Amino acid sequence: MKNLFCLISLLFLIFSCTQKEQKNVLTLWHVGSEEEAQIIKSLADKYFTPQAGISVMCESISWSEAHTKYLTAIAGEVLPDLGTMGLTWAAEFGHKGAMVELSERFPNDVKLLKENIFSSIWNSSEIKGKVYGIPFDLTVQLIYYRKDIISKSPQTWQELEEVLKDLNKQNKKMMIVWGSLDWIGFSPFLWQAGGDYYNKEGTKSIINSKQAQVALKFFSDLYNKYNVPRSAENFGAGFRSGEFPIGMCGNWLINSFPYEMPELEGKWSIALLPKGPSGKRTSFIGGRVIGIFKTSKNIDKAFEFIKFLSKPEIQKELYIEVAKTKNVYLPPNINIWKELPIKEEFRKVLFEQIKEAKGPPAVLGWDDSTKYVVEAIQNVVVGGKPVEEELKKCEEKLNQHIVK
């Protein structure tokens, strides 16, 4: 009897402590580096906890294991309160019933957040009017070029071809660093040609359009006619030596290049992507969103933390601290951009390119369909298969995998 009383008392104590812990602590899984997770935790300790009366525990998860870990946690219903994740993941997890639909629970706040965030990144996080994740940060594809080798960054596809012809005569090349022979590398050319993966409603694939055919033919020519390497390796070394004086990559090199090659100070810059046949310079934009899991006992407090992280002054401090680790993501809040410690010539290009950018399609089933796009790209570029034939097969597969 005494033992039974002790057991009941112990269980009551454990339950009480668990309830207290759930009430006073927010748990966050952060897809990214440990340094980033610690910076988020430090900002929470410094500003959020004293005001909200709730502490924040932040655990980092590597990109390579994050998606699987989330799916496993969803299946077992052992989830944190919040999580940062890939742009399209929140919609996927929300469709599985695992995440809070934020625009339904916090309509006015979500509307205000949307007004202050770049639409280019927001559009990939909202699906059919539902918002399961708020943009946490972003990264955008740009042109990097050596000003001492290329006098002016190409403004159109035609100018790009002329630059590449001239470089090839000098045994120099361009490199597509972020994306390479992948859908991310191909996407800007698709959009610049006026094509897209799906119709505006996201109900049907339109990848086999005339515009897409033009884009894939041009993309193939970059590799097979103008000698763009099929493997995106050692761009930094090639940029330094002059072998690759032009390349397409994400904004993170802006911070790393000055440390890696100080001797090139003033000899390189960034530029907007060239205009395609549509007259657009559309670039690829990526990043992370942050959302709340339905199993959380602190949904309201969790959303307060999301709003806290979205404040301009917090985004500025987050950017500054994360930049020190060379893990550079950009803040999605438009209002903070004039205050960011970025070289003015770079800030202008970044701001303009982010406005003219697109992220992954906000279509359920897209993540499982990217392999078919990659297959089509590589069959054309590497295998020499007909463009229209490959895009036709790709379109059929994309349509089969749209989740209604």
Protein backbone atom coordinates (compact mmCIF):
# COMPACT_ATOMS: atom_id res chain seq x y z
CA MET A 1 0.00 0.00 0.00
CA LYS A 2 2.84 2.28 0.91
CA ASN A 3 4.60 1.47 -2.37
CA LEU A 4 1.42 2.22 -4.32
CA PHE A 5 1.09 5.59 -2.58
CA CYS A 6 4.72 6.41 -3.42
CA LEU A 7 4.17 5.45 -7.08
CA ILE A 8 1.05 7.63 -7.33
CA SER A 9 2.87 10.51 -5.67
CA LEU A 10 5.80 10.13 -8.10
CA LEU A 11 3.50 10.07 -11.13
CA PHE A 12 1.65 13.14 -9.83
CA LEU A 13 4.97 14.93 -9.33
CA ILE A 14 6.16 14.04 -12.85
CA PHE A 15 2.82 15.11 -14.35
CA SER A 16 2.86 18.38 -12.44
CA CYS A 17 6.44 19.15 -13.52
CA THR A 18 5.63 18.28 -17.12
CA GLN A 19 2.61 20.55 -17.10
CA LYS A 20 4.67 23.34 -15.55
CA GLU A 21 7.41 22.81 -18.14
CA GLN A 22 4.89 22.87 -21.00
CA LYS A 23 3.37 26.05 -19.64
CA ASN A 24 6.64 27.95 -19.22
CA VAL A 25 8.79 26.67 -22.08
CA LEU A 26 8.53 26.87 -25.87
CA THR A 27 10.46 24.27 -27.82
CA LEU A 28 11.72 25.13 -31.30
CA TRP A 29 13.40 22.88 -33.85
CA HIS A 30 15.55 24.95 -36.18
CA VAL A 31 16.65 23.62 -39.56
CA GLY A 32 20.14 25.06 -39.77
CA SER A 33 23.39 25.35 -37.89
CA GLU A 34 23.94 25.08 -34.16
CA GLU A 35 25.30 28.64 -34.21
CA GLU A 36 22.03 29.92 -35.64
CA ALA A 37 20.02 28.00 -33.04
CA GLN A 38 22.08 29.54 -30.25
CA ILE A 39 21.63 33.04 -31.69
CA ILE A 40 17.84 32.58 -31.75
CA LYS A 41 17.96 31.29 -28.17
CA SER A 42 20.10 34.27 -27.05
CA LEU A 43 17.71 36.77 -28.62
CA ALA A 44 14.79 35.04 -26.92
CA ASP A 45 16.55 35.10 -23.55
CA LYS A 46 17.47 38.77 -23.97
CA TYR A 47 14.18 40.22 -25.21
CA PHE A 48 11.30 37.72 -25.42
CA THR A 49 11.43 35.79 -22.14
CA PRO A 50 11.53 38.84 -19.82
CA GLN A 51 8.45 40.25 -21.56
CA ALA A 52 6.45 37.08 -22.26
CA GLY A 53 7.42 35.15 -19.13
CA ILE A 54 8.19 32.01 -21.13
CA SER A 55 11.59 30.62 -22.05
CA VAL A 56 12.60 29.20 -25.42
CA MET A 57 14.58 26.01 -26.04
CA CYS A 58 16.07 25.83 -29.54
CA GLU A 59 17.47 22.64 -31.09
CA SER A 60 19.24 22.64 -34.45
CA ILE A 61 18.51 20.00 -37.11
CA SER A 62 20.62 19.51 -40.23
CA TRP A 63 18.94 20.05 -43.60
CA SER A 64 19.80 16.48 -44.61
CA GLU A 65 17.80 14.87 -41.80
CA ALA A 66 15.17 17.52 -41.05
CA HIS A 67 12.34 16.46 -43.38
CA THR A 68 12.50 12.84 -42.27
CA LYS A 69 12.74 13.82 -38.61
CA TYR A 70 9.64 16.00 -38.89
CA LEU A 71 7.65 13.25 -40.63
CA THR A 72 8.70 10.73 -37.97
CA ALA A 73 7.76 13.15 -35.20
CA ILE A 74 4.39 13.84 -36.84
CA ALA A 75 3.65 10.11 -37.06
CA GLY A 76 4.53 9.65 -33.38
CA GLU A 77 2.97 12.97 -32.29
CA VAL A 78 6.19 13.86 -30.48
CA LEU A 79 6.68 17.37 -31.77
CA PRO A 80 8.10 20.70 -30.62
CA ASP A 81 5.89 23.76 -30.25
CA LEU A 82 7.42 25.42 -33.30
CA GLY A 83 9.71 24.57 -36.17
CA THR A 84 11.61 26.31 -38.92
CA MET A 85 11.60 24.37 -42.18
CA GLY A 86 11.82 24.48 -45.98
CA LEU A 87 9.44 26.83 -47.77
CA THR A 88 7.02 24.14 -48.93
CA TRP A 89 7.19 21.84 -45.92
CA ALA A 90 4.71 23.70 -43.74
CA ALA A 91 1.97 23.30 -46.35
CA GLU A 92 2.84 19.61 -46.69
CA PHE A 93 2.73 19.04 -42.93
CA GLY A 94 -0.38 21.19 -42.63
CA HIS A 95 -2.12 19.05 -45.23
CA LYS A 96 -1.34 16.06 -43.00
CA GLY A 97 -3.16 17.86 -40.17
CA ALA A 98 -0.03 18.49 -38.11
CA MET A 99 0.22 22.29 -38.18
CA VAL A 100 -1.87 25.25 -37.06
CA GLU A 101 -3.50 27.14 -39.92
CA LEU A 102 -2.26 30.56 -38.86
CA SER A 103 -4.42 32.75 -41.11
CA GLU A 104 -7.50 31.09 -39.64
CA ARG A 105 -6.44 31.33 -35.98
CA PHE A 106 -4.67 34.72 -36.16
CA PRO A 107 -6.19 36.40 -39.26
CA ASN A 108 -5.44 40.04 -38.41
CA ASP A 109 -1.87 39.40 -37.31
CA VAL A 110 -1.11 37.25 -40.35
CA LYS A 111 -2.51 39.95 -42.62
CA LEU A 112 -0.18 42.53 -41.04
CA LEU A 113 2.81 40.22 -41.32
CA LYS A 114 2.04 39.57 -45.00
CA GLU A 115 1.96 43.31 -45.76
CA ASN A 116 5.55 43.70 -44.53
CA ILE A 117 7.11 40.62 -46.15
CA PHE A 118 8.41 40.33 -49.72
CA SER A 119 5.61 38.81 -51.80
CA SER A 120 8.17 36.73 -53.72
CA ILE A 121 8.88 34.66 -50.62
CA TRP A 122 5.36 34.80 -49.17
CA ASN A 123 3.83 33.33 -52.34
CA SER A 124 5.65 30.04 -51.80
CA SER A 125 4.48 29.75 -48.20
CA GLU A 126 0.76 30.36 -48.76
CA ILE A 127 -1.18 27.63 -50.49
CA LYS A 128 -4.79 28.05 -51.60
CA GLY A 129 -5.27 30.82 -49.05
CA LYS A 130 -3.94 28.75 -46.17
CA VAL A 131 -0.87 29.83 -44.18
CA TYR A 132 0.91 27.19 -42.11
CA GLY A 133 4.27 28.95 -42.00
CA ILE A 134 5.52 32.55 -41.87
CA PRO A 135 8.70 33.38 -43.84
CA PHE A 136 11.62 33.29 -41.44
CA ASP A 137 14.41 34.25 -43.83
CA LEU A 138 15.37 34.05 -47.49
CA THR A 139 18.20 33.63 -49.96
CA VAL A 140 18.20 34.68 -53.61
CA GLN A 141 20.12 33.77 -56.75
CA LEU A 142 22.36 36.46 -58.30
CA ILE A 143 25.04 37.01 -60.91
CA TYR A 144 28.60 37.29 -59.59
CA TYR A 145 31.18 38.67 -62.02
CA ARG A 146 34.77 39.87 -62.16
CA LYS A 147 34.69 43.53 -63.19
CA ASP A 148 38.34 43.41 -64.27
CA ILE A 149 37.55 40.65 -66.80
CA ILE A 150 33.93 41.37 -67.81
CA SER A 151 33.33 45.11 -68.19
CA LYS A 152 29.55 44.86 -67.77
CA SER A 153 27.24 42.16 -66.51
CA PRO A 154 24.99 40.81 -69.33
CA GLN A 155 21.51 42.34 -69.33
CA THR A 156 19.78 39.86 -71.67
CA TRP A 157 20.12 36.25 -72.75
CA GLN A 158 21.61 37.49 -76.03
CA GLU A 159 24.23 39.54 -74.18
CA LEU A 160 24.97 36.53 -71.97
CA GLU A 161 25.66 34.45 -75.07
CA GLU A 162 28.02 37.12 -76.39
CA VAL A 163 29.90 37.23 -73.09
CA LEU A 164 30.21 33.44 -73.03
CA LYS A 165 31.46 33.31 -76.61
CA ASP A 166 34.16 35.83 -75.75
CA LEU A 167 35.10 34.01 -72.55
CA ASN A 168 35.33 30.64 -74.33
CA LYS A 169 37.88 32.16 -76.73
CA GLN A 170 39.97 32.94 -73.63
CA ASN A 171 39.43 29.44 -72.23
CA LYS A 172 37.18 30.88 -69.51
CA LYS A 173 33.66 29.84 -68.54
CA MET A 174 30.54 30.60 -66.56
CA MET A 175 29.32 28.37 -63.72
CA ILE A 176 25.79 27.82 -62.44
CA VAL A 177 26.66 27.20 -58.80
CA TRP A 178 23.31 27.05 -57.02
CA GLY A 179 21.15 24.54 -58.83
CA SER A 180 23.46 23.43 -61.64
CA LEU A 181 21.74 20.56 -63.51
CA ASP A 182 18.81 20.70 -61.12
CA TRP A 183 15.36 22.26 -61.13
CA ILE A 184 16.67 25.18 -59.02
CA GLY A 185 19.24 26.05 -61.69
CA PHE A 186 16.70 25.70 -64.48
CA SER A 187 13.83 27.59 -62.83
CA PRO A 188 15.05 31.17 -63.48
CA PHE A 189 15.36 30.45 -67.21
CA LEU A 190 11.90 28.89 -67.27
CA TRP A 191 10.36 31.96 -65.64
CA GLN A 192 12.44 34.42 -67.67
CA ALA A 193 11.12 32.75 -70.83
CA GLY A 194 7.55 33.26 -69.60
CA GLY A 195 6.91 29.64 -68.64
CA ASP A 196 6.06 27.96 -65.34
CA TYR A 197 5.56 24.54 -63.77
CA TYR A 198 1.81 24.88 -63.09
CA ASN A 199 -1.09 27.14 -63.98
CA LYS A 200 -1.99 29.97 -61.58
CA GLU A 201 -4.52 27.82 -59.75
CA GLY A 202 -1.98 25.06 -59.19
CA THR A 203 -4.39 22.51 -60.65
CA LYS A 204 -2.51 21.56 -63.81
CA SER A 205 1.09 21.38 -65.00
CA ILE A 206 2.03 23.57 -67.98
CA ILE A 207 5.70 22.60 -68.19
CA ASN A 208 5.40 21.53 -71.83
CA SER A 209 4.65 25.04 -73.08
CA LYS A 210 6.47 26.75 -75.96
CA GLN A 211 8.09 29.05 -73.39
CA ALA A 212 9.39 26.10 -71.38
CA GLN A 213 10.76 24.51 -74.53
CA VAL A 214 12.67 27.71 -75.35
CA ALA A 215 14.00 27.82 -71.79
CA LEU A 216 15.22 24.21 -71.72
CA LYS A 217 16.84 24.57 -75.15
CA PHE A 218 18.71 27.68 -73.97
CA PHE A 219 19.63 25.99 -70.68
CA SER A 220 21.01 23.01 -72.61
CA ASP A 221 23.02 25.33 -74.87
CA LEU A 222 24.72 26.89 -71.86
CA TYR A 223 26.25 23.49 -71.06
CA ASN A 224 26.73 22.01 -74.51
CA LYS A 225 27.49 25.09 -76.59
CA TYR A 226 29.11 27.45 -74.09
CA ASN A 227 30.85 24.90 -71.86
CA VAL A 228 29.18 25.60 -68.52
CA PRO A 229 30.50 22.80 -66.25
CA ARG A 230 27.98 20.11 -65.35
CA SER A 231 29.41 19.89 -61.85
CA ALA A 232 29.30 23.06 -59.73
CA GLU A 233 32.53 22.69 -57.80
CA ASN A 234 35.35 25.05 -56.85
CA PHE A 235 33.64 28.19 -58.05
CA GLY A 236 35.49 30.24 -55.44
CA ALA A 237 38.89 29.09 -56.67
CA GLY A 238 37.87 29.56 -60.29
CA PHE A 239 36.47 33.01 -59.58
CA ARG A 240 39.71 33.98 -57.89
CA SER A 241 41.91 32.66 -60.74
CA GLY A 242 39.68 34.11 -63.45
CA GLU A 243 38.79 30.74 -64.96
CA PHE A 244 35.15 31.31 -63.93
CA PRO A 245 34.77 35.11 -63.93
CA ILE A 246 30.98 34.88 -63.94
CA GLY A 247 28.54 32.65 -62.11
CA MET A 248 25.02 32.27 -60.76
CA CYS A 249 24.82 31.62 -57.05
CA GLY A 250 23.01 32.57 -53.85
CA ASN A 251 23.65 35.72 -51.86
CA TRP A 252 25.80 33.94 -49.25
CA LEU A 253 28.97 34.50 -51.28
CA ILE A 254 28.68 38.24 -50.67
CA ASN A 255 29.88 37.66 -47.13
CA SER A 256 32.35 34.84 -47.73
CA PHE A 257 34.25 36.24 -50.73
CA PRO A 258 35.81 39.22 -48.89
CA TYR A 259 37.29 36.82 -46.32
CA GLU A 260 38.40 34.21 -48.85
CA MET A 261 39.90 36.54 -51.47
CA PRO A 262 40.67 40.00 -50.06
CA GLU A 263 43.03 40.61 -52.99
CA LEU A 264 39.98 40.92 -55.27
CA GLU A 265 38.53 43.87 -53.34
CA GLY A 266 36.95 46.23 -55.87
CA LYS A 267 37.41 43.77 -58.73
CA TRP A 268 34.09 41.94 -58.44
CA SER A 269 30.44 42.73 -57.97
CA ILE A 270 26.94 41.29 -58.17
CA ALA A 271 24.17 41.94 -60.69
CA LEU A 272 20.59 41.07 -61.54
CA LEU A 273 20.01 38.00 -63.67
CA PRO A 274 19.73 38.72 -67.43
CA LYS A 275 16.31 39.31 -68.97
CA GLY A 276 14.78 36.44 -70.85
CA PRO A 277 12.42 36.57 -73.87
CA SER A 278 9.57 37.66 -71.58
CA GLY A 279 11.53 40.72 -70.46
CA LYS A 280 11.70 39.35 -66.92
CA ARG A 281 14.82 38.83 -64.79
CA THR A 282 13.08 36.38 -62.44
CA SER A 283 15.44 34.66 -60.04
CA PHE A 284 15.02 31.69 -57.72
CA ILE A 285 14.34 32.52 -54.09
CA GLY A 286 14.65 30.07 -51.23
CA GLY A 287 14.57 30.21 -47.48
CA ARG A 288 12.76 28.93 -44.42
CA VAL A 289 9.38 29.40 -42.81
CA ILE A 290 8.41 29.04 -39.15
CA GLY A 291 5.17 27.41 -38.04
CA ILE A 292 3.37 25.95 -35.02
CA PHE A 293 2.43 22.31 -34.51
CA LYS A 294 -1.11 21.47 -33.43
CA THR A 295 0.13 19.35 -30.53
CA SER A 296 1.60 22.45 -28.85
CA LYS A 297 0.14 23.41 -25.46
CA ASN A 298 1.34 26.97 -26.04
CA ILE A 299 -0.08 27.93 -29.42
CA ASP A 300 -0.80 31.56 -28.52
CA LYS A 301 2.62 32.08 -26.92
CA ALA A 302 4.25 30.33 -29.87
CA PHE A 303 2.62 32.78 -32.26
CA GLU A 304 3.80 35.67 -30.07
CA PHE A 305 7.31 34.32 -30.58
CA ILE A 306 6.81 34.23 -34.36
CA LYS A 307 5.72 37.87 -34.25
CA PHE A 308 8.74 38.65 -32.07
CA LEU A 309 11.11 37.11 -34.64
CA SER A 310 9.36 39.09 -37.39
CA LYS A 311 10.02 42.48 -35.79
CA PRO A 312 12.37 44.67 -37.87
CA GLU A 313 14.76 45.31 -34.99
CA ILE A 314 14.99 41.59 -34.18
CA GLN A 315 15.47 40.65 -37.83
CA LYS A 316 18.28 43.19 -38.07
CA GLU A 317 20.05 41.81 -35.01
CA LEU A 318 19.48 38.24 -36.17
CA TYR A 319 21.00 39.08 -39.57
CA ILE A 320 24.05 40.76 -38.03
CA GLU A 321 24.77 37.91 -35.63
CA VAL A 322 24.18 35.12 -38.15
CA ALA A 323 26.35 36.92 -40.73
CA LYS A 324 29.28 36.58 -38.34
CA THR A 325 29.03 32.80 -38.74
CA LYS A 326 29.03 33.17 -42.57
CA ASN A 327 25.64 31.36 -42.64
CA VAL A 328 24.03 34.28 -44.40
CA TYR A 329 20.28 34.41 -44.88
CA LEU A 330 18.41 37.65 -45.55
CA PRO A 331 15.46 39.08 -43.58
CA PRO A 332 12.06 38.86 -45.30
CA ASN A 333 10.73 42.02 -43.61
CA ILE A 334 10.90 44.81 -46.22
CA ASN A 335 11.00 47.57 -43.59
CA ILE A 336 14.44 46.67 -42.27
CA TRP A 337 16.36 46.72 -45.55
CA LYS A 338 17.55 50.33 -45.42
CA GLU A 339 19.19 49.63 -42.07
CA LEU A 340 21.04 46.44 -42.94
CA PRO A 341 24.85 46.71 -42.82
CA ILE A 342 25.29 45.81 -46.50
CA LYS A 343 27.39 47.67 -49.08
CA GLU A 344 25.01 50.03 -50.88
CA GLU A 345 25.70 48.72 -54.40
CA PHE A 346 24.95 45.20 -53.15
CA ARG A 347 21.85 46.24 -51.20
CA LYS A 348 20.25 47.80 -54.29
CA VAL A 349 20.81 44.69 -56.43
CA LEU A 350 19.62 42.34 -53.67
CA PHE A 351 16.47 44.34 -53.03
CA GLU A 352 15.57 44.52 -56.73
CA GLN A 353 16.31 40.84 -57.37
CA ILE A 354 14.26 39.71 -54.37
CA LYS A 355 11.29 41.69 -55.68
CA GLU A 356 11.67 39.95 -59.04
CA ALA A 357 12.02 36.38 -57.81
CA LYS A 358 9.96 33.25 -57.32
CA GLY A 359 10.18 30.33 -54.94
CA PRO A 360 9.09 26.71 -55.28
CA PRO A 361 5.53 26.25 -56.58
CA ALA A 362 2.88 26.42 -53.84
CA VAL A 363 1.39 23.13 -55.02
CA LEU A 364 0.90 20.04 -52.88
CA GLY A 365 2.84 17.24 -54.48
CA TRP A 366 5.61 19.48 -55.82
CA ASP A 367 8.30 18.18 -53.47
CA ASP A 368 7.71 14.63 -54.66
CA SER A 369 7.71 15.79 -58.30
CA THR A 370 11.01 17.66 -58.53
CA LYS A 371 12.79 14.43 -59.48
CA TYR A 372 10.80 14.32 -62.71
CA VAL A 373 11.88 17.84 -63.62
CA VAL A 374 15.51 16.95 -62.89
CA GLU A 375 15.14 13.80 -64.99
CA ALA A 376 13.86 15.82 -67.95
CA ILE A 377 16.62 18.41 -67.61
CA GLN A 378 19.38 15.83 -67.46
CA ASN A 379 17.93 13.72 -70.27
CA VAL A 380 18.10 16.78 -72.51
CA VAL A 381 21.40 18.33 -71.36
CA VAL A 382 23.39 15.14 -70.76
CA GLY A 383 21.50 12.56 -72.80
CA GLY A 384 20.71 14.71 -75.83
CA LYS A 385 17.03 13.73 -75.79
CA PRO A 386 14.45 15.93 -77.60
CA VAL A 387 13.24 18.87 -75.49
CA GLU A 388 9.54 18.60 -76.31
CA GLU A 389 9.48 14.84 -75.74
CA GLU A 390 11.05 15.14 -72.27
CA LEU A 391 8.84 18.05 -71.20
CA LYS A 392 5.74 16.18 -72.36
CA LYS A 393 6.64 13.19 -70.16
CA CYS A 394 7.49 15.51 -67.29
CA GLU A 395 4.16 17.30 -67.56
CA GLU A 396 2.26 14.02 -67.41
CA LYS A 397 4.14 12.97 -64.26
CA LEU A 398 3.65 16.33 -62.56
CA ASN A 399 -0.10 16.13 -63.22
CA GLN A 400 -0.22 12.62 -61.74
CA HIS A 401 1.37 13.81 -58.50
CA ILE A 402 -0.72 16.92 -57.77
CA VAL A 403 -2.40 16.38 -54.42
CA LYS A 404 -6.00 17.54 -54.58
